[in-house]
Amino acid sequence: MLDIVEALNLTLLSLNVHPFSPIGVTGVAIVSESHVVIHTWPELSYAAVDVFTCGEQRNPRMPFRCCVSISRRSAFRSWR
C-alpha cells in the first residue's frame, strides 16, 4: 500500500492495517488527495485494491503495476 502511495506521489496522512487470523489483511491509507484501501482474501487468491485521488492527474495504471510487482504473480486481472 505504501508503494502505491509513493508511486503516485500522494501525501500520506494516516495508515491503518488490520491482519486477520488465520490469514488476510485489510488496510487503509488516508492521503490528503483521498484514500487507498486494500482487502485480501488469500484463501481465494484475491485482493481488492481501491485507489481514489483528486487534484493533479495521475497514471491510473500505476497501482496495478505496483501490485503486480509486489506479488511477483502473473494471475492479475483488472476490472474496469
Protein backbone atom coordinates (compact mmCIF):
# COMPACT_ATOMS: atom_id res chain seq x y z
CA MET A 1 0.00 0.00 0.00
CA LEU A 2 2.84 2.37 0.79
CA ASP A 3 4.37 1.54 -2.59
CA ILE A 4 1.18 2.79 -4.26
CA VAL A 5 1.19 5.97 -2.15
CA GLU A 6 4.81 6.64 -3.09
CA ALA A 7 4.43 5.72 -6.77
CA LEU A 8 1.52 8.15 -7.16
CA ASN A 9 3.30 10.84 -5.14
CA LEU A 10 0.43 11.04 -2.64
CA THR A 11 0.61 12.70 0.77
CA LEU A 12 0.13 10.06 3.49
CA LEU A 13 -1.87 11.29 6.49
CA SER A 14 -2.71 8.02 8.23
CA LEU A 15 -2.17 4.28 7.78
CA ASN A 16 -4.22 1.55 9.46
CA VAL A 17 -3.66 -2.14 8.69
CA HIS A 18 -5.57 -4.97 10.34
CA PRO A 19 -4.37 -8.59 9.90
CA PHE A 20 -6.97 -11.33 10.19
CA SER A 21 -6.49 -14.77 11.71
CA PRO A 22 -5.50 -17.14 10.27
CA ILE A 23 -4.84 -15.15 7.06
CA GLY A 24 -5.81 -11.97 5.26
CA VAL A 25 -5.43 -8.26 5.77
CA THR A 26 -7.39 -5.05 5.35
CA GLY A 27 -5.59 -1.76 5.15
CA VAL A 28 -6.48 1.85 4.55
CA ALA A 29 -4.14 4.70 3.78
CA ILE A 30 -5.72 8.10 4.20
CA VAL A 31 -3.99 10.56 1.92
CA SER A 32 -4.66 14.25 1.53
CA GLU A 33 -5.81 13.50 -2.03
CA SER A 34 -8.36 10.85 -0.83
CA HIS A 35 -7.56 7.20 0.06
CA VAL A 36 -6.05 3.80 -0.82
CA VAL A 37 -7.77 0.65 0.50
CA ILE A 38 -6.74 -3.00 0.23
CA HIS A 39 -8.78 -6.04 1.27
CA THR A 40 -7.31 -9.52 0.81
CA TRP A 41 -8.79 -12.99 0.71
CA PRO A 42 -5.68 -15.21 0.39
CA GLU A 43 -7.73 -18.39 0.54
CA LEU A 44 -9.33 -17.26 -2.73
CA SER A 45 -6.10 -15.76 -4.17
CA TYR A 46 -7.96 -12.45 -4.33
CA ALA A 47 -7.20 -8.87 -3.35
CA ALA A 48 -9.36 -5.80 -3.93
CA VAL A 49 -7.47 -2.52 -4.23
CA ASP A 50 -9.32 0.80 -4.32
CA VAL A 51 -7.41 3.98 -5.14
CA PHE A 52 -9.24 7.30 -5.15
CA THR A 53 -7.47 10.60 -5.77
CA CYS A 54 -8.33 14.16 -6.58
CA GLY A 55 -6.19 17.07 -7.67
CA GLU A 56 -3.48 16.64 -10.28
CA GLN A 57 -3.87 13.86 -12.83
CA ARG A 58 -2.07 10.60 -12.05
CA ASN A 59 -1.38 7.43 -14.02
CA PRO A 60 -4.37 5.15 -13.26
CA ARG A 61 -2.36 2.03 -14.16
CA MET A 62 0.36 2.69 -11.57
CA PRO A 63 -1.43 1.00 -8.62
CA PHE A 64 -1.97 -2.12 -10.74
CA ARG A 65 1.73 -2.16 -11.72
CA CYS A 66 2.73 -1.81 -8.07
CA CYS A 67 0.55 -4.77 -7.07
CA VAL A 68 1.93 -6.97 -9.84
CA SER A 69 5.50 -6.00 -8.96
CA ILE A 70 4.97 -6.70 -5.26
CA SER A 71 3.23 -10.04 -5.71
CA ARG A 72 5.51 -11.30 -8.50
CA ARG A 73 2.49 -13.23 -9.78
CA SER A 74 1.05 -13.23 -13.26
CA ALA A 75 -2.53 -14.06 -12.23
CA PHE A 76 -3.76 -10.47 -12.01
CA ARG A 77 -6.89 -9.14 -13.65
CA SER A 78 -8.12 -5.61 -13.68
CA TRP A 79 -11.83 -4.80 -13.58
CA ARG A 80 -12.89 -1.65 -15.37
